Protein backbone atom coordinates (compact mmCIF):
# COMPACT_ATOMS: atom_id res chain seq x y z
CA MET A 1 99.24 99.32 117.17
CA ALA A 2 99.56 96.59 115.02
CA THR A 3 96.90 95.02 113.14
CA THR A 4 96.17 92.19 111.19
CA ILE A 5 95.00 92.49 107.34
CA SER A 6 94.24 89.55 104.30
CA VAL A 7 95.87 88.87 101.33
CA ASP A 8 95.98 86.13 99.49
CA GLU A 9 98.95 83.67 99.50
CA ASP A 10 100.11 84.93 96.06
CA THR A 11 100.01 88.37 97.14
CA ARG A 12 102.35 87.44 100.51
CA ASP A 13 104.56 85.54 98.29
CA GLN A 14 105.18 88.72 96.06
CA LEU A 15 105.41 90.65 99.29
CA LYS A 16 108.03 88.50 100.50
CA LYS A 17 110.14 88.70 97.12
CA LEU A 18 110.25 92.27 97.28
CA GLY A 19 111.51 92.38 100.74
CA GLU A 20 115.16 92.06 101.77
CA LYS A 21 116.15 89.74 104.57
CA GLY A 22 115.07 91.38 107.70
CA GLU A 23 112.49 93.30 106.29
CA SER A 24 108.78 93.23 107.92
CA TYR A 25 105.89 93.40 105.70
CA ASP A 26 105.14 96.65 107.08
CA ASP A 27 108.22 98.23 105.71
CA ILE A 28 107.65 96.55 102.51
CA VAL A 29 104.21 98.02 102.32
CA LYS A 30 105.14 101.25 103.64
CA GLN A 31 108.07 101.55 100.77
CA LEU A 32 105.23 100.29 98.21
CA ILE A 33 102.84 103.44 99.36
CA ASP A 34 105.98 105.67 99.17
CA GLN A 35 106.64 104.70 95.68
CA TYR A 36 102.83 105.09 94.55
CA ILE A 37 102.58 108.57 95.92
CA GLU A 38 105.73 109.48 94.18
CA SER A 39 104.78 107.96 90.96
CA ARG A 40 101.40 109.89 91.41
CA TYR A 41 102.83 113.03 92.27
CA GLN A 42 105.19 112.98 89.26
CA LYS A 43 102.22 112.18 86.92
CA LEU A 44 100.40 115.21 88.00
CA GLU A 45 103.36 116.95 87.83
CA GLU A 46 103.79 115.65 84.04
CA ASP A 47 100.15 116.48 83.39
CA LYS A 48 100.59 119.79 84.75
CA GLU A 49 102.95 120.83 82.44
CA GLU A 50 101.05 119.43 79.38
CA PHE A 51 98.48 121.62 80.19
CA GLU A 52 100.65 124.58 80.69
CA ALA A 53 102.27 124.17 77.36
CA LEU A 54 98.30 124.21 75.83
CA GLU A 55 97.94 127.68 77.07
């Protein structure tokens, strides 16, 4: 089921630049979410290693 979200024109334009020909905004947003989650996971792992080193 599709839904509509509002974004500023600038945000829409940036999304267009991130995507490749044939990619939907949904595809681009999903990739950004995946990258964000991976980045957060890596940060947590780094923090965990730093904490363990202090013990």
